[in-house]
Amino acid sequence: MRRLHHGLTALVVLLGLALSACGSEPDTFTGTRLTNPFKAADVELADTSGAPYSLGADTKKPLTLVFFGYTSCPDYCPMVMNNLAAAINRLDAADKRKVDVVFVTTDPARDDAQTLRTYLDRYNKSFIGLTGSIEQVIEAGDSLHVYVSDGKLLPTGGFDLGGHTTSTLAVDPHHQAVALWNQETSSAEFAADIHALLTDD
C-alpha cells in the first residue's frame, strides 16, 4: 500500500509539472504585497544536512519562498509544493539563481532529515527542508503570521494547517516577508509574481 501511495504521489507531481507548462502568464500580481512586511524571527532550525538555518538570518538570496507543511499531508501540501516546483521550472536561468524554496515541517516528530529530503527531492533537489522542535517551528511561524499551533493537532504532537489558509511567503534578503500567496495559487501565477518581485526597483 505504501508503494502504491508513493507511486500515485509521484504520478501527480509529474502530471502537474507537465500541465503547468500550458497556459498564459497572468498580467497582474496575483498574491498580496505586504505594505508592512513581517520580520522573520531568528529561530535556529536545522536543514536536511543537519546544518543550522534561521529564517531570520539565513534567507540571503533576493527571494526565499517559505511554506509550512508536513510530508504526510494528503492534500494542500503536495498541491502547493507541486505548483512551487512547476513555477521554478517556468523561470529563466537568471531568475532561478535568485530564488530559494524552503519547506518548514509542522510535524517534526515524523519528518526527520531523511524523510524531508526524500519528500522534497520528488519536487526539486534544490529545495531546502527545515525541522526543529515543535516549539521552534511555532515560534518561527508566528513571526511570519503562520499560526502553526492553531492547526489540527496530529497524534505526533505536530500540526496540520489544512483547515486554515496555507500561505506561501516571499522573504527578502533583509529576512522580511514582503508578499504572500494562498494555497490556490497556480504555477503560472507564482512564476509571474516571482519575476515581478525580482525585477522591482
C-alpha atoms as a PDB file:
ATOM      1  CA  MET A   1       0.000   0.000   0.000  1.00  0.00           C
ATOM      2  CA  ARG A   2       2.881   2.338   0.860  1.00  0.00           C
ATOM      3  CA  ARG A   3       4.449   1.752  -2.562  1.00  0.00           C
ATOM      4  CA  LEU A   4       1.132   2.470  -4.254  1.00  0.00           C
ATOM      5  CA  HIS A   5       0.756   5.724  -2.302  1.00  0.00           C
ATOM      6  CA  HIS A   6       4.274   6.870  -3.237  1.00  0.00           C
ATOM      7  CA  GLY A   7       3.679   5.868  -6.855  1.00  0.00           C
ATOM      8  CA  LEU A   8       0.470   7.870  -7.046  1.00  0.00           C
ATOM      9  CA  THR A   9       2.145  10.874  -5.392  1.00  0.00           C
ATOM     10  CA  ALA A  10       4.974  10.754  -7.931  1.00  0.00           C
ATOM     11  CA  LEU A  11       2.464  10.491 -10.799  1.00  0.00           C
ATOM     12  CA  VAL A  12       0.545  13.535  -9.514  1.00  0.00           C
ATOM     13  CA  VAL A  13       3.797  15.508  -9.294  1.00  0.00           C
ATOM     14  CA  LEU A  14       4.864  14.580 -12.827  1.00  0.00           C
ATOM     15  CA  LEU A  15       1.457  15.339 -14.309  1.00  0.00           C
ATOM     16  CA  GLY A  16       1.308  18.657 -12.502  1.00  0.00           C
ATOM     17  CA  LEU A  17       4.734  19.674 -13.765  1.00  0.00           C
ATOM     18  CA  ALA A  18       3.796  18.753 -17.314  1.00  0.00           C
ATOM     19  CA  LEU A  19       0.456  20.525 -17.274  1.00  0.00           C
ATOM     20  CA  SER A  20       1.949  23.627 -15.691  1.00  0.00           C
ATOM     21  CA  ALA A  21       3.833  24.348 -18.903  1.00  0.00           C
ATOM     22  CA  CYS A  22       0.486  25.128 -20.551  1.00  0.00           C
ATOM     23  CA  GLY A  23      -1.465  28.340 -20.189  1.00  0.00           C
ATOM     24  CA  SER A  24      -0.611  32.017 -20.392  1.00  0.00           C
ATOM     25  CA  GLU A  25       1.150  34.170 -17.834  1.00  0.00           C
ATOM     26  CA  PRO A  26      -1.113  36.394 -15.696  1.00  0.00           C
ATOM     27  CA  ASP A  27      -0.933  40.128 -16.357  1.00  0.00           C
ATOM     28  CA  THR A  28      -1.328  41.306 -12.773  1.00  0.00           C
ATOM     29  CA  PHE A  29       0.203  40.432  -9.398  1.00  0.00           C
ATOM     30  CA  THR A  30      -1.843  37.548  -8.008  1.00  0.00           C
ATOM     31  CA  GLY A  31      -0.502  37.396  -4.466  1.00  0.00           C
ATOM     32  CA  THR A  32      -0.662  40.033  -1.748  1.00  0.00           C
ATOM     33  CA  ARG A  33       2.159  42.543  -1.407  1.00  0.00           C
ATOM     34  CA  LEU A  34       2.677  43.382   2.263  1.00  0.00           C
ATOM     35  CA  THR A  35       2.895  47.114   2.919  1.00  0.00           C
ATOM     36  CA  ASN A  36       4.021  46.283   6.473  1.00  0.00           C
ATOM     37  CA  PRO A  37       6.361  43.304   5.974  1.00  0.00           C
ATOM     38  CA  PHE A  38       6.596  40.551   8.600  1.00  0.00           C
ATOM     39  CA  LYS A  39      10.061  40.220  10.160  1.00  0.00           C
ATOM     40  CA  ALA A  40      11.158  36.580  10.402  1.00  0.00           C
ATOM     41  CA  ALA A  41      12.266  35.563  13.885  1.00  0.00           C
ATOM     42  CA  ASP A  42      15.874  34.452  14.297  1.00  0.00           C
ATOM     43  CA  VAL A  43      14.984  30.925  15.416  1.00  0.00           C
ATOM     44  CA  GLU A  44      17.621  28.269  14.781  1.00  0.00           C
ATOM     45  CA  LEU A  45      16.140  25.321  12.903  1.00  0.00           C
ATOM     46  CA  ALA A  46      18.127  22.637  11.062  1.00  0.00           C
ATOM     47  CA  ASP A  47      18.265  21.780   7.376  1.00  0.00           C
ATOM     48  CA  THR A  48      18.346  18.238   5.998  1.00  0.00           C
ATOM     49  CA  SER A  49      22.148  18.077   6.254  1.00  0.00           C
ATOM     50  CA  GLY A  50      21.964  18.961   9.947  1.00  0.00           C
ATOM     51  CA  ALA A  51      23.305  22.485   9.445  1.00  0.00           C
ATOM     52  CA  PRO A  52      21.642  25.330  11.372  1.00  0.00           C
ATOM     53  CA  TYR A  53      19.281  27.529   9.363  1.00  0.00           C
ATOM     54  CA  SER A  54      17.271  30.516  10.553  1.00  0.00           C
ATOM     55  CA  LEU A  55      14.589  32.266   8.520  1.00  0.00           C
ATOM     56  CA  GLY A  56      15.608  35.419  10.382  1.00  0.00           C
ATOM     57  CA  ALA A  57      19.288  35.240   9.416  1.00  0.00           C
ATOM     58  CA  ASP A  58      19.953  32.860   6.518  1.00  0.00           C
ATOM     59  CA  THR A  59      17.463  33.982   3.843  1.00  0.00           C
ATOM     60  CA  LYS A  60      20.129  35.757   1.808  1.00  0.00           C
ATOM     61  CA  LYS A  61      19.025  35.300  -1.801  1.00  0.00           C
ATOM     62  CA  PRO A  62      16.945  38.048  -3.444  1.00  0.00           C
ATOM     63  CA  LEU A  63      13.864  35.895  -2.755  1.00  0.00           C
ATOM     64  CA  THR A  64      13.165  32.916  -0.477  1.00  0.00           C
ATOM     65  CA  LEU A  65       9.768  31.242  -0.763  1.00  0.00           C
ATOM     66  CA  VAL A  66       8.701  29.742   2.571  1.00  0.00           C
ATOM     67  CA  PHE A  67       5.951  27.170   3.102  1.00  0.00           C
ATOM     68  CA  PHE A  68       4.958  25.437   6.355  1.00  0.00           C
ATOM     69  CA  GLY A  69       3.559  21.914   5.987  1.00  0.00           C
ATOM     70  CA  TYR A  70       4.342  18.236   6.580  1.00  0.00           C
ATOM     71  CA  THR A  71       5.326  15.315   4.402  1.00  0.00           C
ATOM     72  CA  SER A  72       2.331  13.064   5.153  1.00  0.00           C
ATOM     73  CA  CYS A  73      -0.178  15.837   4.377  1.00  0.00           C
ATOM     74  CA  PRO A  74      -2.668  14.357   1.896  1.00  0.00           C
ATOM     75  CA  ASP A  75      -3.941  17.479   0.136  1.00  0.00           C
ATOM     76  CA  TYR A  76      -2.781  21.100   0.389  1.00  0.00           C
ATOM     77  CA  CYS A  77       0.935  20.464   0.927  1.00  0.00           C
ATOM     78  CA  PRO A  78       1.525  18.373  -2.213  1.00  0.00           C
ATOM     79  CA  MET A  79      -0.657  20.751  -4.233  1.00  0.00           C
ATOM     80  CA  VAL A  80       1.311  23.822  -3.150  1.00  0.00           C
ATOM     81  CA  MET A  81       4.691  22.115  -3.440  1.00  0.00           C
ATOM     82  CA  ASN A  82       3.844  20.867  -6.914  1.00  0.00           C
ATOM     83  CA  ASN A  83       2.878  24.384  -8.002  1.00  0.00           C
ATOM     84  CA  LEU A  84       6.039  25.854  -6.497  1.00  0.00           C
ATOM     85  CA  ALA A  85       8.192  23.257  -8.281  1.00  0.00           C
ATOM     86  CA  ALA A  86       6.430  23.940 -11.560  1.00  0.00           C
ATOM     87  CA  ALA A  87       6.775  27.699 -11.027  1.00  0.00           C
ATOM     88  CA  ILE A  88      10.538  27.368 -10.566  1.00  0.00           C
ATOM     89  CA  ASN A  89      10.693  25.378 -13.803  1.00  0.00           C
ATOM     90  CA  ARG A  90       8.958  28.278 -15.594  1.00  0.00           C
ATOM     91  CA  LEU A  91      11.622  30.800 -14.556  1.00  0.00           C
ATOM     92  CA  ASP A  92      14.578  31.628 -16.746  1.00  0.00           C
ATOM     93  CA  ALA A  93      18.054  30.672 -15.551  1.00  0.00           C
ATOM     94  CA  ALA A  94      18.827  34.143 -14.173  1.00  0.00           C
ATOM     95  CA  ASP A  95      15.685  34.212 -12.023  1.00  0.00           C
ATOM     96  CA  LYS A  96      16.183  30.627 -10.815  1.00  0.00           C
ATOM     97  CA  ARG A  97      19.584  31.535  -9.370  1.00  0.00           C
ATOM     98  CA  LYS A  98      17.949  34.254  -7.255  1.00  0.00           C
ATOM     99  CA  VAL A  99      15.313  32.065  -5.576  1.00  0.00           C
ATOM    100  CA  ASP A 100      15.342  29.522  -2.755  1.00  0.00           C
ATOM    101  CA  VAL A 101      12.336  27.428  -1.723  1.00  0.00           C
ATOM    102  CA  VAL A 102      12.129  26.450   1.957  1.00  0.00           C
ATOM    103  CA  PHE A 103       9.729  23.867   3.411  1.00  0.00           C
ATOM    104  CA  VAL A 104       9.348  24.022   7.217  1.00  0.00           C
ATOM    105  CA  THR A 105       7.812  20.903   8.718  1.00  0.00           C
ATOM    106  CA  THR A 106       4.942  21.292  11.166  1.00  0.00           C
ATOM    107  CA  ASP A 107       5.285  17.601  12.125  1.00  0.00           C
ATOM    108  CA  PRO A 108       8.900  17.289  13.289  1.00  0.00           C
ATOM    109  CA  ALA A 109       8.319  14.040  15.192  1.00  0.00           C
ATOM    110  CA  ARG A 110       7.809  12.220  11.887  1.00  0.00           C
ATOM    111  CA  ASP A 111       9.660  14.498   9.487  1.00  0.00           C
ATOM    112  CA  ASP A 112      13.286  13.797  10.285  1.00  0.00           C
ATOM    113  CA  ALA A 113      16.046  14.967   7.957  1.00  0.00           C
ATOM    114  CA  GLN A 114      15.959  11.896   5.686  1.00  0.00           C
ATOM    115  CA  THR A 115      12.160  11.942   5.405  1.00  0.00           C
ATOM    116  CA  LEU A 116      12.205  15.621   4.480  1.00  0.00           C
ATOM    117  CA  ARG A 117      14.996  15.174   1.936  1.00  0.00           C
ATOM    118  CA  THR A 118      13.288  12.238   0.240  1.00  0.00           C
ATOM    119  CA  TYR A 119      10.000  14.161   0.099  1.00  0.00           C
ATOM    120  CA  LEU A 120      11.483  17.363  -1.305  1.00  0.00           C
ATOM    121  CA  ASP A 121      13.622  15.577  -3.870  1.00  0.00           C
ATOM    122  CA  ARG A 122      10.415  14.474  -5.580  1.00  0.00           C
ATOM    123  CA  TYR A 123       9.745  18.122  -6.349  1.00  0.00           C
ATOM    124  CA  ASN A 124      13.167  19.739  -6.711  1.00  0.00           C
ATOM    125  CA  LYS A 125      16.519  18.637  -5.288  1.00  0.00           C
ATOM    126  CA  SER A 126      17.459  22.240  -4.527  1.00  0.00           C
ATOM    127  CA  PHE A 127      14.520  22.777  -2.152  1.00  0.00           C
ATOM    128  CA  ILE A 128      15.547  23.311   1.473  1.00  0.00           C
ATOM    129  CA  GLY A 129      13.823  21.355   4.242  1.00  0.00           C
ATOM    130  CA  LEU A 130      13.833  22.611   7.832  1.00  0.00           C
ATOM    131  CA  THR A 131      12.973  20.924  11.091  1.00  0.00           C
ATOM    132  CA  GLY A 132      13.352  21.555  14.814  1.00  0.00           C
ATOM    133  CA  SER A 133      11.295  21.179  17.954  1.00  0.00           C
ATOM    134  CA  ILE A 134       7.601  21.924  17.569  1.00  0.00           C
ATOM    135  CA  GLU A 135       8.135  24.952  19.844  1.00  0.00           C
ATOM    136  CA  GLN A 136      10.812  26.312  17.500  1.00  0.00           C
ATOM    137  CA  VAL A 137       8.591  25.738  14.471  1.00  0.00           C
ATOM    138  CA  ILE A 138       5.683  27.535  16.175  1.00  0.00           C
ATOM    139  CA  GLU A 139       7.937  30.495  17.048  1.00  0.00           C
ATOM    140  CA  ALA A 140       9.282  30.719  13.502  1.00  0.00           C
ATOM    141  CA  GLY A 141       5.759  30.554  12.083  1.00  0.00           C
ATOM    142  CA  ASP A 142       4.281  33.122  14.460  1.00  0.00           C
ATOM    143  CA  SER A 143       6.715  35.796  13.333  1.00  0.00           C
ATOM    144  CA  LEU A 144       5.507  35.296   9.751  1.00  0.00           C
ATOM    145  CA  HIS A 145       1.833  35.185  10.776  1.00  0.00           C
ATOM    146  CA  VAL A 146       1.645  31.441  10.109  1.00  0.00           C
ATOM    147  CA  TYR A 147      -0.068  30.254  13.271  1.00  0.00           C
ATOM    148  CA  VAL A 148       1.095  26.659  13.440  1.00  0.00           C
ATOM    149  CA  SER A 149      -0.470  25.906  16.819  1.00  0.00           C
ATOM    150  CA  ASP A 150      -3.925  26.914  15.518  1.00  0.00           C
ATOM    151  CA  GLY A 151      -3.921  23.911  13.184  1.00  0.00           C
ATOM    152  CA  LYS A 152      -5.408  20.499  13.821  1.00  0.00           C
ATOM    153  CA  LEU A 153      -3.312  18.619  16.378  1.00  0.00           C
ATOM    154  CA  LEU A 154      -1.719  15.476  14.938  1.00  0.00           C
ATOM    155  CA  PRO A 155      -1.177  12.335  17.063  1.00  0.00           C
ATOM    156  CA  THR A 156       2.579  13.031  16.894  1.00  0.00           C
ATOM    157  CA  GLY A 157       2.217  16.456  18.530  1.00  0.00           C
ATOM    158  CA  GLY A 158       2.659  18.285  15.220  1.00  0.00           C
ATOM    159  CA  PHE A 159       0.006  20.336  13.456  1.00  0.00           C
ATOM    160  CA  ASP A 160      -1.992  20.071  10.224  1.00  0.00           C
ATOM    161  CA  LEU A 161      -2.580  23.558   8.799  1.00  0.00           C
ATOM    162  CA  GLY A 162      -5.018  22.353   6.144  1.00  0.00           C
ATOM    163  CA  GLY A 163      -8.012  23.817   7.958  1.00  0.00           C
ATOM    164  CA  HIS A 164      -6.570  27.284   7.597  1.00  0.00           C
ATOM    165  CA  THR A 165      -5.154  29.394   4.795  1.00  0.00           C
ATOM    166  CA  THR A 166      -1.945  27.644   3.841  1.00  0.00           C
ATOM    167  CA  SER A 167       0.202  30.588   2.809  1.00  0.00           C
ATOM    168  CA  THR A 168       3.480  30.695   0.925  1.00  0.00           C
ATOM    169  CA  LEU A 169       5.579  33.707   1.864  1.00  0.00           C
ATOM    170  CA  ALA A 170       8.207  35.631  -0.100  1.00  0.00           C
ATOM    171  CA  VAL A 171      11.083  36.600   2.189  1.00  0.00           C
ATOM    172  CA  ASP A 172      13.656  39.156   1.049  1.00  0.00           C
ATOM    173  CA  PRO A 173      17.409  39.362   1.923  1.00  0.00           C
ATOM    174  CA  HIS A 174      16.510  41.523   4.938  1.00  0.00           C
ATOM    175  CA  HIS A 175      14.581  38.497   6.300  1.00  0.00           C
ATOM    176  CA  GLN A 176      11.228  40.200   5.865  1.00  0.00           C
ATOM    177  CA  ALA A 177       8.144  38.637   4.270  1.00  0.00           C
ATOM    178  CA  VAL A 178       7.158  41.120   1.570  1.00  0.00           C
ATOM    179  CA  ALA A 179       4.406  39.115  -0.162  1.00  0.00           C
ATOM    180  CA  LEU A 180       2.253  36.041   0.311  1.00  0.00           C
ATOM    181  CA  TRP A 181       0.044  33.706  -1.706  1.00  0.00           C
ATOM    182  CA  ASN A 182      -2.787  31.359  -0.772  1.00  0.00           C
ATOM    183  CA  GLN A 183      -2.976  27.636  -1.479  1.00  0.00           C
ATOM    184  CA  GLU A 184      -4.978  28.125  -4.684  1.00  0.00           C
ATOM    185  CA  THR A 185      -2.159  29.969  -6.494  1.00  0.00           C
ATOM    186  CA  SER A 186      -1.224  28.299  -9.773  1.00  0.00           C
ATOM    187  CA  SER A 187       2.313  27.707 -11.019  1.00  0.00           C
ATOM    188  CA  ALA A 188       1.850  30.380 -13.706  1.00  0.00           C
ATOM    189  CA  GLU A 189       0.712  32.899 -11.109  1.00  0.00           C
ATOM    190  CA  PHE A 190       3.616  32.039  -8.805  1.00  0.00           C
ATOM    191  CA  ALA A 191       6.128  32.357 -11.647  1.00  0.00           C
ATOM    192  CA  ALA A 192       4.806  35.709 -12.854  1.00  0.00           C
ATOM    193  CA  ASP A 193       4.734  37.146  -9.330  1.00  0.00           C
ATOM    194  CA  ILE A 194       8.228  35.838  -8.525  1.00  0.00           C
ATOM    195  CA  HIS A 195       9.581  37.527 -11.642  1.00  0.00           C
ATOM    196  CA  ALA A 196       7.762  40.755 -10.733  1.00  0.00           C
ATOM    197  CA  LEU A 197       9.285  40.743  -7.229  1.00  0.00           C
ATOM    198  CA  LEU A 198      12.756  40.066  -8.600  1.00  0.00           C
ATOM    199  CA  THR A 199      12.508  42.961 -11.030  1.00  0.00           C
ATOM    200  CA  ASP A 200      11.117  45.501  -8.549  1.00  0.00           C
ATOM    201  CA  ASP A 201      13.290  48.570  -8.192  1.00  0.00           C
END
